[in-house]
All heavy atoms as atom14 arrays in JSON, in Angstrom:
{
  "sequence": "FDIADDEFLKLHLFAKKIAQAIRKAVPCRRIGLA",
  "atom14_mask": [
    [1, 1, 1, 1, 1, 1, 1, 1, 1, 1, 1, 0, 0, 0],
    [1, 1, 1, 1, 1, 1, 1, 1, 0, 0, 0, 0, 0, 0],
    [1, 1, 1, 1, 1, 1, 1, 1, 0, 0, 0, 0, 0, 0],
    [1, 1, 1, 1, 1, 0, 0, 0, 0, 0, 0, 0, 0, 0],
    [1, 1, 1, 1, 1, 1, 1, 1, 0, 0, 0, 0, 0, 0],
    [1, 1, 1, 1, 1, 1, 1, 1, 0, 0, 0, 0, 0, 0],
    [1, 1, 1, 1, 1, 1, 1, 1, 1, 0, 0, 0, 0, 0],
    [1, 1, 1, 1, 1, 1, 1, 1, 1, 1, 1, 0, 0, 0],
    [1, 1, 1, 1, 1, 1, 1, 1, 0, 0, 0, 0, 0, 0],
    [1, 1, 1, 1, 1, 1, 1, 1, 1, 0, 0, 0, 0, 0],
    [1, 1, 1, 1, 1, 1, 1, 1, 0, 0, 0, 0, 0, 0],
    [1, 1, 1, 1, 1, 1, 1, 1, 1, 1, 0, 0, 0, 0],
    [1, 1, 1, 1, 1, 1, 1, 1, 0, 0, 0, 0, 0, 0],
    [1, 1, 1, 1, 1, 1, 1, 1, 1, 1, 1, 0, 0, 0],
    [1, 1, 1, 1, 1, 0, 0, 0, 0, 0, 0, 0, 0, 0],
    [1, 1, 1, 1, 1, 1, 1, 1, 1, 0, 0, 0, 0, 0],
    [1, 1, 1, 1, 1, 1, 1, 1, 1, 0, 0, 0, 0, 0],
    [1, 1, 1, 1, 1, 1, 1, 1, 0, 0, 0, 0, 0, 0],
    [1, 1, 1, 1, 1, 0, 0, 0, 0, 0, 0, 0, 0, 0],
    [1, 1, 1, 1, 1, 1, 1, 1, 1, 0, 0, 0, 0, 0],
    [1, 1, 1, 1, 1, 0, 0, 0, 0, 0, 0, 0, 0, 0],
    [1, 1, 1, 1, 1, 1, 1, 1, 0, 0, 0, 0, 0, 0],
    [1, 1, 1, 1, 1, 1, 1, 1, 1, 1, 1, 0, 0, 0],
    [1, 1, 1, 1, 1, 1, 1, 1, 1, 0, 0, 0, 0, 0],
    [1, 1, 1, 1, 1, 0, 0, 0, 0, 0, 0, 0, 0, 0],
    [1, 1, 1, 1, 1, 1, 1, 0, 0, 0, 0, 0, 0, 0],
    [1, 1, 1, 1, 1, 1, 1, 0, 0, 0, 0, 0, 0, 0],
    [1, 1, 1, 1, 1, 1, 0, 0, 0, 0, 0, 0, 0, 0],
    [1, 1, 1, 1, 1, 1, 1, 1, 1, 1, 1, 0, 0, 0],
    [1, 1, 1, 1, 1, 1, 1, 1, 1, 1, 1, 0, 0, 0],
    [1, 1, 1, 1, 1, 1, 1, 1, 0, 0, 0, 0, 0, 0],
    [1, 1, 1, 1, 0, 0, 0, 0, 0, 0, 0, 0, 0, 0],
    [1, 1, 1, 1, 1, 1, 1, 1, 0, 0, 0, 0, 0, 0],
    [1, 1, 1, 1, 1, 0, 0, 0, 0, 0, 0, 0, 0, 0]
  ],
  "atom14_positions": [
    [[-19.76, -15.38, 5.45], [-20.69, -16.19, 4.73], [-22.13, -15.9, 5.33], [-23.03, -16.63, 4.98], [-20.36, -17.72, 4.8], [-19.07, -17.93, 3.88], [-17.9, -18.4, 4.53], [-19.08, -17.65, 2.59], [-16.77, -18.61, 3.77], [-17.96, -17.84, 1.82], [-16.78, -18.31, 2.35], [0.0, 0.0, 0.0], [0.0, 0.0, 0.0], [0.0, 0.0, 0.0]],
    [[-22.24, -14.98, 6.32], [-23.53, -14.54, 6.8], [-23.99, -13.38, 5.98], [-25.11, -12.86, 6.31], [-23.47, -14.29, 8.28], [-23.38, -15.48, 9.14], [-23.83, -16.53, 8.64], [-22.96, -15.38, 10.28], [0.0, 0.0, 0.0], [0.0, 0.0, 0.0], [0.0, 0.0, 0.0], [0.0, 0.0, 0.0], [0.0, 0.0, 0.0], [0.0, 0.0, 0.0]],
    [[-23.21, -12.71, 5.09], [-23.53, -11.54, 4.34], [-24.62, -11.98, 3.31], [-24.49, -13.07, 2.69], [-22.29, -10.98, 3.69], [-21.26, -10.53, 4.72], [-22.71, -9.93, 2.69], [-19.95, -10.1, 4.04], [0.0, 0.0, 0.0], [0.0, 0.0, 0.0], [0.0, 0.0, 0.0], [0.0, 0.0, 0.0], [0.0, 0.0, 0.0], [0.0, 0.0, 0.0]],
    [[-25.59, -11.2, 3.16], [-26.65, -11.37, 2.12], [-26.04, -11.7, 0.79], [-24.99, -11.03, 0.45], [-27.62, -10.28, 2.12], [0.0, 0.0, 0.0], [0.0, 0.0, 0.0], [0.0, 0.0, 0.0], [0.0, 0.0, 0.0], [0.0, 0.0, 0.0], [0.0, 0.0, 0.0], [0.0, 0.0, 0.0], [0.0, 0.0, 0.0], [0.0, 0.0, 0.0]],
    [[-26.64, -12.44, -0.09], [-26.03, -12.78, -1.34], [-25.7, -11.59, -2.18], [-24.55, -11.46, -2.8], [-26.93, -13.67, -2.16], [-26.99, -15.08, -1.57], [-26.21, -15.39, -0.7], [-27.89, -15.91, -2.12], [0.0, 0.0, 0.0], [0.0, 0.0, 0.0], [0.0, 0.0, 0.0], [0.0, 0.0, 0.0], [0.0, 0.0, 0.0], [0.0, 0.0, 0.0]],
    [[-26.6, -10.61, -2.32], [-26.28, -9.41, -3.13], [-25.17, -8.65, -2.59], [-24.33, -8.17, -3.36], [-27.57, -8.63, -3.32], [-28.04, -7.96, -2.0], [-27.99, -8.66, -0.98], [-28.57, -6.86, -2.01], [0.0, 0.0, 0.0], [0.0, 0.0, 0.0], [0.0, 0.0, 0.0], [0.0, 0.0, 0.0], [0.0, 0.0, 0.0], [0.0, 0.0, 0.0]],
    [[-25.1, -8.47, -1.28], [-23.96, -7.71, -0.69], [-22.59, -8.55, -0.84], [-21.61, -7.94, -0.99], [-24.24, -7.47, 0.84], [-25.35, -6.54, 0.98], [-25.68, -6.36, 2.5], [-24.9, -6.81, 3.39], [-26.72, -5.73, 2.78], [0.0, 0.0, 0.0], [0.0, 0.0, 0.0], [0.0, 0.0, 0.0], [0.0, 0.0, 0.0], [0.0, 0.0, 0.0]],
    [[-22.67, -9.8, -0.72], [-21.52, -10.7, -0.96], [-20.91, -10.53, -2.28], [-19.76, -10.35, -2.52], [-21.97, -12.21, -0.71], [-20.85, -13.12, -0.74], [-20.08, -13.39, 0.3], [-20.53, -13.85, -1.93], [-18.99, -14.33, 0.36], [-19.51, -14.81, -1.92], [-18.73, -15.07, -0.83], [0.0, 0.0, 0.0], [0.0, 0.0, 0.0], [0.0, 0.0, 0.0]],
    [[-21.82, -10.46, -3.34], [-21.4, -10.31, -4.67], [-20.76, -8.9, -4.89], [-19.73, -8.8, -5.6], [-22.6, -10.47, -5.62], [-23.06, -11.96, -5.8], [-24.35, -11.96, -6.62], [-22.08, -12.84, -6.38], [0.0, 0.0, 0.0], [0.0, 0.0, 0.0], [0.0, 0.0, 0.0], [0.0, 0.0, 0.0], [0.0, 0.0, 0.0], [0.0, 0.0, 0.0]],
    [[-21.39, -7.89, -4.37], [-20.89, -6.62, -4.51], [-19.45, -6.45, -3.78], [-18.59, -5.83, -4.33], [-21.84, -5.54, -3.82], [-23.12, -5.33, -4.67], [-24.09, -4.44, -3.97], [-25.41, -4.35, -4.71], [-26.43, -3.62, -3.96], [0.0, 0.0, 0.0], [0.0, 0.0, 0.0], [0.0, 0.0, 0.0], [0.0, 0.0, 0.0], [0.0, 0.0, 0.0]],
    [[-19.32, -7.09, -2.63], [-18.05, -7.02, -1.94], [-16.94, -7.69, -2.81], [-15.89, -7.16, -2.95], [-18.19, -7.75, -0.6], [-16.94, -7.98, 0.21], [-16.41, -6.59, 0.73], [-17.16, -8.85, 1.42], [0.0, 0.0, 0.0], [0.0, 0.0, 0.0], [0.0, 0.0, 0.0], [0.0, 0.0, 0.0], [0.0, 0.0, 0.0], [0.0, 0.0, 0.0]],
    [[-17.28, -8.83, -3.44], [-16.24, -9.55, -4.22], [-15.96, -8.8, -5.52], [-14.78, -8.84, -6.01], [-16.63, -10.93, -4.4], [-16.4, -11.79, -3.2], [-17.19, -11.81, -2.07], [-15.31, -12.58, -2.88], [-16.65, -12.56, -1.19], [-15.53, -13.04, -1.56], [0.0, 0.0, 0.0], [0.0, 0.0, 0.0], [0.0, 0.0, 0.0], [0.0, 0.0, 0.0]],
    [[-16.91, -8.21, -6.12], [-16.7, -7.39, -7.34], [-15.85, -6.15, -7.04], [-14.99, -5.77, -7.74], [-17.99, -7.07, -8.08], [-18.77, -8.26, -8.68], [-20.08, -7.82, -9.17], [-17.93, -8.79, -9.86], [0.0, 0.0, 0.0], [0.0, 0.0, 0.0], [0.0, 0.0, 0.0], [0.0, 0.0, 0.0], [0.0, 0.0, 0.0], [0.0, 0.0, 0.0]],
    [[-16.15, -5.52, -5.81], [-15.36, -4.39, -5.46], [-13.93, -4.86, -5.16], [-12.95, -4.11, -5.61], [-15.99, -3.78, -4.23], [-15.39, -2.61, -3.68], [-15.63, -1.36, -4.33], [-14.59, -2.57, -2.61], [-15.06, -0.17, -3.87], [-13.96, -1.36, -2.14], [-14.22, -0.14, -2.81], [0.0, 0.0, 0.0], [0.0, 0.0, 0.0], [0.0, 0.0, 0.0]],
    [[-13.72, -6.04, -4.49], [-12.45, -6.51, -4.18], [-11.65, -6.78, -5.47], [-10.41, -6.49, -5.59], [-12.54, -7.8, -3.4], [0.0, 0.0, 0.0], [0.0, 0.0, 0.0], [0.0, 0.0, 0.0], [0.0, 0.0, 0.0], [0.0, 0.0, 0.0], [0.0, 0.0, 0.0], [0.0, 0.0, 0.0], [0.0, 0.0, 0.0], [0.0, 0.0, 0.0]],
    [[-12.34, -7.28, -6.49], [-11.67, -7.62, -7.81], [-11.06, -6.29, -8.43], [-9.98, -6.27, -8.95], [-12.71, -8.27, -8.8], [-12.15, -8.51, -10.18], [-13.14, -9.11, -11.06], [-12.66, -9.35, -12.49], [-13.65, -9.83, -13.3], [0.0, 0.0, 0.0], [0.0, 0.0, 0.0], [0.0, 0.0, 0.0], [0.0, 0.0, 0.0], [0.0, 0.0, 0.0]],
    [[-11.88, -5.22, -8.35], [-11.45, -3.95, -8.84], [-10.22, -3.42, -8.17], [-9.24, -2.98, -8.73], [-12.61, -2.91, -8.78], [-12.31, -1.58, -9.43], [-13.54, -0.7, -9.34], [-13.66, 0.04, -8.04], [-14.72, 1.13, -8.09], [0.0, 0.0, 0.0], [0.0, 0.0, 0.0], [0.0, 0.0, 0.0], [0.0, 0.0, 0.0], [0.0, 0.0, 0.0]],
    [[-10.24, -3.58, -6.84], [-9.08, -3.16, -6.04], [-7.89, -4.01, -6.31], [-6.73, -3.54, -6.45], [-9.46, -3.23, -4.49], [-10.69, -2.21, -4.2], [-8.25, -2.79, -3.68], [-10.57, -0.82, -4.59], [0.0, 0.0, 0.0], [0.0, 0.0, 0.0], [0.0, 0.0, 0.0], [0.0, 0.0, 0.0], [0.0, 0.0, 0.0], [0.0, 0.0, 0.0]],
    [[-8.09, -5.31, -6.39], [-6.94, -6.2, -6.68], [-6.31, -5.95, -8.02], [-5.06, -5.94, -8.11], [-7.49, -7.67, -6.71], [0.0, 0.0, 0.0], [0.0, 0.0, 0.0], [0.0, 0.0, 0.0], [0.0, 0.0, 0.0], [0.0, 0.0, 0.0], [0.0, 0.0, 0.0], [0.0, 0.0, 0.0], [0.0, 0.0, 0.0], [0.0, 0.0, 0.0]],
    [[-7.15, -5.57, -9.03], [-6.5, -5.24, -10.37], [-5.69, -3.91, -10.24], [-4.61, -3.86, -10.88], [-7.69, -5.07, -11.4], [-8.35, -6.41, -11.72], [-9.62, -6.24, -12.57], [-10.33, -5.22, -12.46], [-9.87, -7.33, -13.3], [0.0, 0.0, 0.0], [0.0, 0.0, 0.0], [0.0, 0.0, 0.0], [0.0, 0.0, 0.0], [0.0, 0.0, 0.0]],
    [[-6.16, -3.05, -9.45], [-5.36, -1.8, -9.32], [-4.12, -2.03, -8.48], [-3.07, -1.48, -8.85], [-6.27, -0.73, -8.62], [0.0, 0.0, 0.0], [0.0, 0.0, 0.0], [0.0, 0.0, 0.0], [0.0, 0.0, 0.0], [0.0, 0.0, 0.0], [0.0, 0.0, 0.0], [0.0, 0.0, 0.0], [0.0, 0.0, 0.0], [0.0, 0.0, 0.0]],
    [[-4.17, -2.81, -7.5], [-2.99, -3.16, -6.7], [-1.92, -3.84, -7.61], [-0.77, -3.44, -7.59], [-3.26, -4.06, -5.54], [-4.14, -3.38, -4.51], [-1.99, -4.55, -4.86], [-4.67, -4.3, -3.42], [0.0, 0.0, 0.0], [0.0, 0.0, 0.0], [0.0, 0.0, 0.0], [0.0, 0.0, 0.0], [0.0, 0.0, 0.0], [0.0, 0.0, 0.0]],
    [[-2.31, -4.73, -8.45], [-1.44, -5.53, -9.3], [-0.73, -4.57, -10.33], [0.38, -4.78, -10.62], [-2.23, -6.57, -10.12], [-1.16, -7.54, -10.75], [-1.94, -8.7, -11.37], [-0.97, -9.63, -11.94], [-1.31, -10.59, -12.8], [-2.57, -10.66, -13.21], [-0.34, -11.4, -13.28], [0.0, 0.0, 0.0], [0.0, 0.0, 0.0], [0.0, 0.0, 0.0]],
    [[-1.36, -3.47, -10.81], [-0.81, -2.48, -11.64], [0.18, -1.65, -10.81], [1.19, -1.12, -11.44], [-1.83, -1.64, -12.32], [-2.71, -2.43, -13.27], [-3.82, -1.58, -13.87], [-4.78, -2.31, -14.72], [-5.87, -1.51, -15.15], [0.0, 0.0, 0.0], [0.0, 0.0, 0.0], [0.0, 0.0, 0.0], [0.0, 0.0, 0.0], [0.0, 0.0, 0.0]],
    [[-0.12, -1.3, -9.61], [0.67, -0.34, -8.85], [1.83, -0.93, -8.07], [2.81, -0.26, -7.82], [-0.25, 0.33, -7.84], [0.0, 0.0, 0.0], [0.0, 0.0, 0.0], [0.0, 0.0, 0.0], [0.0, 0.0, 0.0], [0.0, 0.0, 0.0], [0.0, 0.0, 0.0], [0.0, 0.0, 0.0], [0.0, 0.0, 0.0], [0.0, 0.0, 0.0]],
    [[1.71, -2.27, -7.73], [2.71, -2.88, -6.84], [3.35, -3.98, -7.61], [2.61, -4.98, -8.02], [2.06, -3.39, -5.58], [3.14, -4.1, -4.73], [1.46, -2.19, -4.79], [0.0, 0.0, 0.0], [0.0, 0.0, 0.0], [0.0, 0.0, 0.0], [0.0, 0.0, 0.0], [0.0, 0.0, 0.0], [0.0, 0.0, 0.0], [0.0, 0.0, 0.0]],
    [[4.67, -4.04, -7.81], [5.27, -5.14, -8.6], [5.06, -6.41, -7.84], [5.39, -6.57, -6.57], [6.78, -4.74, -8.59], [6.81, -3.34, -8.37], [5.61, -3.01, -7.47], [0.0, 0.0, 0.0], [0.0, 0.0, 0.0], [0.0, 0.0, 0.0], [0.0, 0.0, 0.0], [0.0, 0.0, 0.0], [0.0, 0.0, 0.0], [0.0, 0.0, 0.0]],
    [[4.44, -7.37, -8.48], [4.2, -8.8, -7.92], [3.76, -9.66, -9.02], [3.41, -9.22, -10.12], [3.15, -8.66, -6.82], [1.52, -8.09, -7.4], [0.0, 0.0, 0.0], [0.0, 0.0, 0.0], [0.0, 0.0, 0.0], [0.0, 0.0, 0.0], [0.0, 0.0, 0.0], [0.0, 0.0, 0.0], [0.0, 0.0, 0.0], [0.0, 0.0, 0.0]],
    [[3.72, -10.95, -8.69], [3.2, -11.92, -9.71], [1.71, -12.02, -9.72], [1.15, -12.16, -10.82], [3.83, -13.27, -9.39], [5.38, -13.36, -9.63], [6.01, -14.69, -9.24], [5.34, -15.86, -9.94], [5.41, -17.09, -9.58], [6.11, -17.31, -8.48], [4.82, -17.98, -10.27], [0.0, 0.0, 0.0], [0.0, 0.0, 0.0], [0.0, 0.0, 0.0]],
    [[1.13, -11.94, -8.61], [-0.3, -12.07, -8.49], [-0.81, -11.35, -7.2], [-0.05, -11.01, -6.4], [-0.76, -13.5, -8.38], [-0.56, -14.35, -9.67], [-1.11, -15.76, -9.48], [-0.75, -16.47, -10.68], [-1.61, -17.0, -11.51], [-2.86, -16.86, -11.31], [-1.19, -17.65, -12.54], [0.0, 0.0, 0.0], [0.0, 0.0, 0.0], [0.0, 0.0, 0.0]],
    [[-2.1, -11.27, -7.14], [-2.74, -10.8, -5.87], [-3.49, -11.98, -5.25], [-4.31, -12.62, -5.94], [-3.72, -9.6, -6.16], [-3.04, -8.42, -6.84], [-4.35, -9.16, -4.83], [-1.88, -7.76, -6.1], [0.0, 0.0, 0.0], [0.0, 0.0, 0.0], [0.0, 0.0, 0.0], [0.0, 0.0, 0.0], [0.0, 0.0, 0.0], [0.0, 0.0, 0.0]],
    [[-3.08, -12.25, -4.03], [-3.8, -13.34, -3.35], [-4.9, -12.76, -2.51], [-4.98, -11.63, -2.12], [0.0, 0.0, 0.0], [0.0, 0.0, 0.0], [0.0, 0.0, 0.0], [0.0, 0.0, 0.0], [0.0, 0.0, 0.0], [0.0, 0.0, 0.0], [0.0, 0.0, 0.0], [0.0, 0.0, 0.0], [0.0, 0.0, 0.0], [0.0, 0.0, 0.0]],
    [[-5.91, -13.65, -2.3], [-7.1, -13.3, -1.54], [-7.25, -14.18, -0.36], [-7.03, -15.42, -0.5], [-8.36, -13.41, -2.47], [-9.72, -13.04, -1.85], [-10.58, -12.49, -2.95], [-10.32, -14.33, -1.22], [0.0, 0.0, 0.0], [0.0, 0.0, 0.0], [0.0, 0.0, 0.0], [0.0, 0.0, 0.0], [0.0, 0.0, 0.0], [0.0, 0.0, 0.0]],
    [[-7.36, -13.62, 0.76], [-7.51, -14.49, 2.03], [-8.64, -13.94, 2.82], [-8.85, -12.73, 3.01], [-6.21, -14.39, 2.81], [0.0, 0.0, 0.0], [0.0, 0.0, 0.0], [0.0, 0.0, 0.0], [0.0, 0.0, 0.0], [0.0, 0.0, 0.0], [0.0, 0.0, 0.0], [0.0, 0.0, 0.0], [0.0, 0.0, 0.0], [0.0, 0.0, 0.0]]
  ]
}
């Protein structure tokens, strides 16, 4: 939460893209974020 707002948004949008790929590649119900 010390990351600048624009970098924070980029990080989370990047994580969303990765999570979507993991969900397609790895059998699971959802992808959790911690």
